[in-house]
Every structure is written in C-alpha cells, then in structure tokens.
C-alpha cells in the first residue's frame, strides 16, 4: 500500500522523515524545524519548499514530478539530490553549507545559479537544458559534471 497523502505538520520534534516510494503529490515540512534528513524520492511531488529549516542537512528527492524546488536559508543543508525531475525553477539562496548538489536529468532546468553556495565541492548537473551556469565564487569545487547541456560558454576561473 502506498500513501497518497501525508500530514506531518504537528510532528515538530521530527528529525528524520523517510516517505519515499509512495504516491505523494505534495509534502508540507514547513513547521519541522528539527528536521535533519528528508527522503521523499520516488513520489509524484510537484513542488517542494524546504526553506528556513535550520537543522536540515540531507534531502533526497529524486524521481518525482517536481517543477519547483525552494531551499532558501537552509544554512545547514550539505547534501541535496533531485535527479530525474521536471524542474524549471530552483532557488538555493542562503545554502552556504551545501557541499554536494546533484540535479542531473532534470531536463527543464535552463539556468542554474549556485554562486552563493560557497561550500560546494561536488556539482552534477548533466543532461539538462542549462544554457547559463554561474560558478562564481565556488573556490572549493573539486567535481563538476555538466555534460549534455546547452552551454555555449563556461567560466570556471
């Protein structure tokens, strides 16, 4: 049996949530200030807002129908994986602790700005429609995989 709906809004002490491999179309985690790890892969989630969760460190949300991902001011977030989605908009403002980002095979992304993610060491964004990739200030970047995009120019200086 797979879940269609999940309401965890009253579980404010929750620090680990694994709701992967269900049929969820939405997931509200806004009040979960103690949440550290979120696994919500293999669902049908359209939009995910994980903003302002001060303790969130790991998010695995690959294989969804996600069009919008908002992760503003997730100051502890260090690992984010959202491969194979339908994303057009990704907002990572204030994710200064982000170390690993994988958004490969999310074919509708055209612009990816990770310039404020100054701790980033690994970026995988291959097989998208990215025509603009801003890597400014990513002095710690050691792994970059950006194959099969629409990039005409890439400045890694």
C-alpha atoms as a PDB file:
ATOM      1  CA  UNK A   1       0.000   0.000   0.000  1.00  0.00           C
ATOM      2  CA  UNK A   2       1.307   3.450  -0.931  1.00  0.00           C
ATOM      3  CA  UNK A   3       0.449   6.779   0.677  1.00  0.00           C
ATOM      4  CA  UNK A   4      -1.403   9.417  -1.331  1.00  0.00           C
ATOM      5  CA  UNK A   5      -1.403  11.988   1.466  1.00  0.00           C
ATOM      6  CA  UNK A   6       0.871  12.592   4.460  1.00  0.00           C
ATOM      7  CA  UNK A   7       0.362  15.283   7.107  1.00  0.00           C
ATOM      8  CA  UNK A   8       3.326  15.657   9.470  1.00  0.00           C
ATOM      9  CA  UNK A   9       2.646  19.301  10.359  1.00  0.00           C
ATOM     10  CA  UNK A  10       2.105  18.503  14.048  1.00  0.00           C
ATOM     11  CA  UNK A  11       5.281  16.438  14.396  1.00  0.00           C
ATOM     12  CA  UNK A  12       7.534  19.348  15.330  1.00  0.00           C
ATOM     13  CA  UNK A  13      10.133  17.129  17.067  1.00  0.00           C
ATOM     14  CA  UNK A  14      10.651  15.005  13.958  1.00  0.00           C
ATOM     15  CA  UNK A  15      14.303  14.952  12.863  1.00  0.00           C
ATOM     16  CA  UNK A  16      14.207  12.136  10.266  1.00  0.00           C
ATOM     17  CA  UNK A  17      11.498  11.601   7.654  1.00  0.00           C
ATOM     18  CA  UNK A  18      11.509   8.858   5.046  1.00  0.00           C
ATOM     19  CA  UNK A  19       8.376   8.927   2.924  1.00  0.00           C
ATOM     20  CA  UNK A  20       9.972   7.575  -0.246  1.00  0.00           C
ATOM     21  CA  UNK A  21       8.281   5.218  -2.708  1.00  0.00           C
ATOM     22  CA  UNK A  22       4.717   6.417  -2.336  1.00  0.00           C
ATOM     23  CA  UNK A  23       2.227   8.374  -4.422  1.00  0.00           C
ATOM     24  CA  UNK A  24       2.535  11.707  -2.636  1.00  0.00           C
ATOM     25  CA  UNK A  25       1.793  14.747  -4.795  1.00  0.00           C
ATOM     26  CA  UNK A  26       2.653  17.289  -2.095  1.00  0.00           C
ATOM     27  CA  UNK A  27       4.636  17.400   1.117  1.00  0.00           C
ATOM     28  CA  UNK A  28       4.456  20.151   3.730  1.00  0.00           C
ATOM     29  CA  UNK A  29       7.502  20.241   6.018  1.00  0.00           C
ATOM     30  CA  UNK A  30       7.451  23.976   6.826  1.00  0.00           C
ATOM     31  CA  UNK A  31       6.953  23.617  10.599  1.00  0.00           C
ATOM     32  CA  UNK A  32       9.535  20.848  11.080  1.00  0.00           C
ATOM     33  CA  UNK A  33      12.366  22.982  12.479  1.00  0.00           C
ATOM     34  CA  UNK A  34      14.154  19.938  13.957  1.00  0.00           C
ATOM     35  CA  UNK A  35      14.181  18.013  10.670  1.00  0.00           C
ATOM     36  CA  UNK A  36      17.714  16.959   9.700  1.00  0.00           C
ATOM     37  CA  UNK A  37      17.117  14.343   6.994  1.00  0.00           C
ATOM     38  CA  UNK A  38      14.362  14.122   4.381  1.00  0.00           C
ATOM     39  CA  UNK A  39      13.946  11.219   1.969  1.00  0.00           C
ATOM     40  CA  UNK A  40      10.989  11.754  -0.352  1.00  0.00           C
ATOM     41  CA  UNK A  41      12.197  10.114  -3.563  1.00  0.00           C
ATOM     42  CA  UNK A  42      10.006   8.120  -5.936  1.00  0.00           C
ATOM     43  CA  UNK A  43       6.784  10.022  -5.407  1.00  0.00           C
ATOM     44  CA  UNK A  44       4.745  12.398  -7.556  1.00  0.00           C
ATOM     45  CA  UNK A  45       5.588  15.611  -5.690  1.00  0.00           C
ATOM     46  CA  UNK A  46       5.135  18.714  -7.883  1.00  0.00           C
ATOM     47  CA  UNK A  47       6.549  21.470  -5.660  1.00  0.00           C
ATOM     48  CA  UNK A  48       8.787  21.237  -2.612  1.00  0.00           C
ATOM     49  CA  UNK A  49       9.567  24.100  -0.255  1.00  0.00           C
ATOM     50  CA  UNK A  50      12.184  23.228   2.355  1.00  0.00           C
ATOM     51  CA  UNK A  51      13.032  26.848   3.154  1.00  0.00           C
ATOM     52  CA  UNK A  52      14.027  28.108   6.590  1.00  0.00           C
ATOM     53  CA  UNK A  53      14.549  24.687   8.150  1.00  0.00           C
ATOM     54  CA  UNK A  54      17.556  25.496  10.350  1.00  0.00           C
ATOM     55  CA  UNK A  55      18.694  21.910  11.032  1.00  0.00           C
ATOM     56  CA  UNK A  56      18.075  20.314   7.632  1.00  0.00           C
ATOM     57  CA  UNK A  57      21.242  18.621   6.360  1.00  0.00           C
ATOM     58  CA  UNK A  58      20.297  15.973   3.774  1.00  0.00           C
ATOM     59  CA  UNK A  59      17.499  15.971   1.193  1.00  0.00           C
ATOM     60  CA  UNK A  60      16.963  13.151  -1.306  1.00  0.00           C
ATOM     61  CA  UNK A  61      14.022  13.931  -3.581  1.00  0.00           C
ATOM     62  CA  UNK A  62      14.889  12.302  -6.876  1.00  0.00           C
ATOM     63  CA  UNK A  63      12.368  10.669  -9.216  1.00  0.00           C
ATOM     64  CA  UNK A  64       9.405  12.949  -8.626  1.00  0.00           C
ATOM     65  CA  UNK A  65       7.350  15.206 -10.890  1.00  0.00           C
ATOM     66  CA  UNK A  66       8.886  18.269  -9.278  1.00  0.00           C
ATOM     67  CA  UNK A  67       8.661  21.559 -11.159  1.00  0.00           C
ATOM     68  CA  UNK A  68       9.759  23.912  -8.363  1.00  0.00           C
ATOM     69  CA  UNK A  69      12.268  23.407  -5.558  1.00  0.00           C
ATOM     70  CA  UNK A  70      12.766  26.180  -3.000  1.00  0.00           C
ATOM     71  CA  UNK A  71      15.529  25.813  -0.424  1.00  0.00           C
ATOM     72  CA  UNK A  72      16.058  29.347   0.887  1.00  0.00           C
ATOM     73  CA  UNK A  73      18.116  29.865   4.055  1.00  0.00           C
ATOM     74  CA  UNK A  74      18.810  26.197   4.688  1.00  0.00           C
ATOM     75  CA  UNK A  75      22.056  27.095   6.408  1.00  0.00           C
ATOM     76  CA  UNK A  76      22.938  23.516   7.489  1.00  0.00           C
ATOM     77  CA  UNK A  77      21.949  21.796   4.224  1.00  0.00           C
ATOM     78  CA  UNK A  78      25.013  19.987   2.901  1.00  0.00           C
ATOM     79  CA  UNK A  79      23.607  17.354   0.518  1.00  0.00           C
ATOM     80  CA  UNK A  80      20.801  17.845  -1.996  1.00  0.00           C
ATOM     81  CA  UNK A  81      19.807  15.311  -4.645  1.00  0.00           C
ATOM     82  CA  UNK A  82      16.916  15.920  -7.020  1.00  0.00           C
ATOM     83  CA  UNK A  83      17.840  13.951 -10.146  1.00  0.00           C
ATOM     84  CA  UNK A  84      15.146  12.989 -12.673  1.00  0.00           C
ATOM     85  CA  UNK A  85      12.545  15.670 -12.093  1.00  0.00           C
ATOM     86  CA  UNK A  86      10.769  18.269 -14.233  1.00  0.00           C
ATOM     87  CA  UNK A  87      12.308  21.295 -12.558  1.00  0.00           C
ATOM     88  CA  UNK A  88      12.177  24.695 -14.168  1.00  0.00           C
ATOM     89  CA  UNK A  89      12.902  26.726 -11.023  1.00  0.00           C
ATOM     90  CA  UNK A  90      15.496  26.056  -8.330  1.00  0.00           C
ATOM     91  CA  UNK A  91      16.167  28.589  -5.569  1.00  0.00           C
ATOM     92  CA  UNK A  92      19.136  27.821  -3.313  1.00  0.00           C
ATOM     93  CA  UNK A  93      19.658  31.280  -1.804  1.00  0.00           C
ATOM     94  CA  UNK A  94      21.471  31.152   1.513  1.00  0.00           C
ATOM     95  CA  UNK A  95      22.505  27.488   1.283  1.00  0.00           C
ATOM     96  CA  UNK A  96      26.074  28.324   2.245  1.00  0.00           C
ATOM     97  CA  UNK A  97      26.856  24.879   3.727  1.00  0.00           C
ATOM     98  CA  UNK A  98      25.822  22.931   0.623  1.00  0.00           C
ATOM     99  CA  UNK A  99      28.668  20.548  -0.273  1.00  0.00           C
ATOM    100  CA  UNK A 100      27.079  18.165  -2.811  1.00  0.00           C
ATOM    101  CA  UNK A 101      24.372  19.002  -5.340  1.00  0.00           C
ATOM    102  CA  UNK A 102      23.022  16.575  -7.933  1.00  0.00           C
ATOM    103  CA  UNK A 103      20.344  17.808 -10.304  1.00  0.00           C
ATOM    104  CA  UNK A 104      21.190  15.641 -13.306  1.00  0.00           C
ATOM    105  CA  UNK A 105      18.472  14.542 -15.699  1.00  0.00           C
ATOM    106  CA  UNK A 106      16.022  17.252 -14.612  1.00  0.00           C
ATOM    107  CA  UNK A 107      15.668  18.212 -18.242  1.00  0.00           C
ATOM    108  CA  UNK A 108      13.814  21.518 -17.995  1.00  0.00           C
ATOM    109  CA  UNK A 109      16.400  23.476 -15.982  1.00  0.00           C
ATOM    110  CA  UNK A 110      17.846  26.236 -18.169  1.00  0.00           C
ATOM    111  CA  UNK A 111      19.563  28.477 -15.612  1.00  0.00           C
ATOM    112  CA  UNK A 112      21.395  27.231 -12.530  1.00  0.00           C
ATOM    113  CA  UNK A 113      22.874  29.787 -10.157  1.00  0.00           C
ATOM    114  CA  UNK A 114      24.891  28.204  -7.366  1.00  0.00           C
ATOM    115  CA  UNK A 115      27.242  31.143  -6.846  1.00  0.00           C
ATOM    116  CA  UNK A 116      26.116  31.665  -3.240  1.00  0.00           C
ATOM    117  CA  UNK A 117      26.741  28.001  -2.361  1.00  0.00           C
ATOM    118  CA  UNK A 118      30.348  28.725  -1.429  1.00  0.00           C
ATOM    119  CA  UNK A 119      30.992  25.356   0.287  1.00  0.00           C
ATOM    120  CA  UNK A 120      30.057  23.359  -2.824  1.00  0.00           C
ATOM    121  CA  UNK A 121      32.651  20.701  -3.675  1.00  0.00           C
ATOM    122  CA  UNK A 122      30.580  18.482  -5.991  1.00  0.00           C
ATOM    123  CA  UNK A 123      28.126  19.652  -8.658  1.00  0.00           C
ATOM    124  CA  UNK A 124      26.402  17.213 -11.016  1.00  0.00           C
ATOM    125  CA  UNK A 125      24.041  18.938 -13.415  1.00  0.00           C
ATOM    126  CA  UNK A 126      24.397  16.890 -16.576  1.00  0.00           C
ATOM    127  CA  UNK A 127      21.716  16.068 -19.105  1.00  0.00           C
ATOM    128  CA  UNK A 128      19.649  19.240 -18.684  1.00  0.00           C
ATOM    129  CA  UNK A 129      18.866  22.281 -20.838  1.00  0.00           C
ATOM    130  CA  UNK A 130      21.193  24.582 -18.898  1.00  0.00           C
ATOM    131  CA  UNK A 131      22.430  27.481 -21.013  1.00  0.00           C
ATOM    132  CA  UNK A 132      23.646  29.611 -18.083  1.00  0.00           C
ATOM    133  CA  UNK A 133      25.728  28.116 -15.277  1.00  0.00           C
ATOM    134  CA  UNK A 134      27.125  30.573 -12.746  1.00  0.00           C
ATOM    135  CA  UNK A 135      30.079  29.092 -10.844  1.00  0.00           C
ATOM    136  CA  UNK A 136      31.381  32.376  -9.474  1.00  0.00           C
ATOM    137  CA  UNK A 137      32.967  32.088  -6.025  1.00  0.00           C
ATOM    138  CA  UNK A 138      32.989  28.276  -5.938  1.00  0.00           C
ATOM    139  CA  UNK A 139      36.622  28.005  -4.864  1.00  0.00           C
ATOM    140  CA  UNK A 140      36.057  24.618  -3.159  1.00  0.00           C
ATOM    141  CA  UNK A 141      34.567  22.913  -6.232  1.00  0.00           C
ATOM    142  CA  UNK A 142      36.510  19.715  -6.999  1.00  0.00           C
ATOM    143  CA  UNK A 143      33.927  17.745  -9.020  1.00  0.00           C
ATOM    144  CA  UNK A 144      31.942  19.255 -11.891  1.00  0.00           C
ATOM    145  CA  UNK A 145      29.791  17.146 -14.194  1.00  0.00           C
ATOM    146  CA  UNK A 146      27.834  19.286 -16.652  1.00  0.00           C
ATOM    147  CA  UNK A 147      27.633  17.084 -19.759  1.00  0.00           C
ATOM    148  CA  UNK A 148      24.851  17.296 -22.361  1.00  0.00           C
ATOM    149  CA  UNK A 149      23.566  20.818 -21.709  1.00  0.00           C
ATOM    150  CA  UNK A 150      23.031  23.903 -23.869  1.00  0.00           C
ATOM    151  CA  UNK A 151      26.160  25.680 -22.594  1.00  0.00           C
ATOM    152  CA  UNK A 152      27.987  27.863 -25.116  1.00  0.00           C
ATOM    153  CA  UNK A 153      30.482  29.177 -22.580  1.00  0.00           C
ATOM    154  CA  UNK A 154      31.601  28.088 -19.127  1.00  0.00           C
ATOM    155  CA  UNK A 155      33.777  30.300 -16.947  1.00  0.00           C
ATOM    156  CA  UNK A 156      35.472  28.293 -14.207  1.00  0.00           C
ATOM    157  CA  UNK A 157      38.110  30.887 -13.325  1.00  0.00           C
END
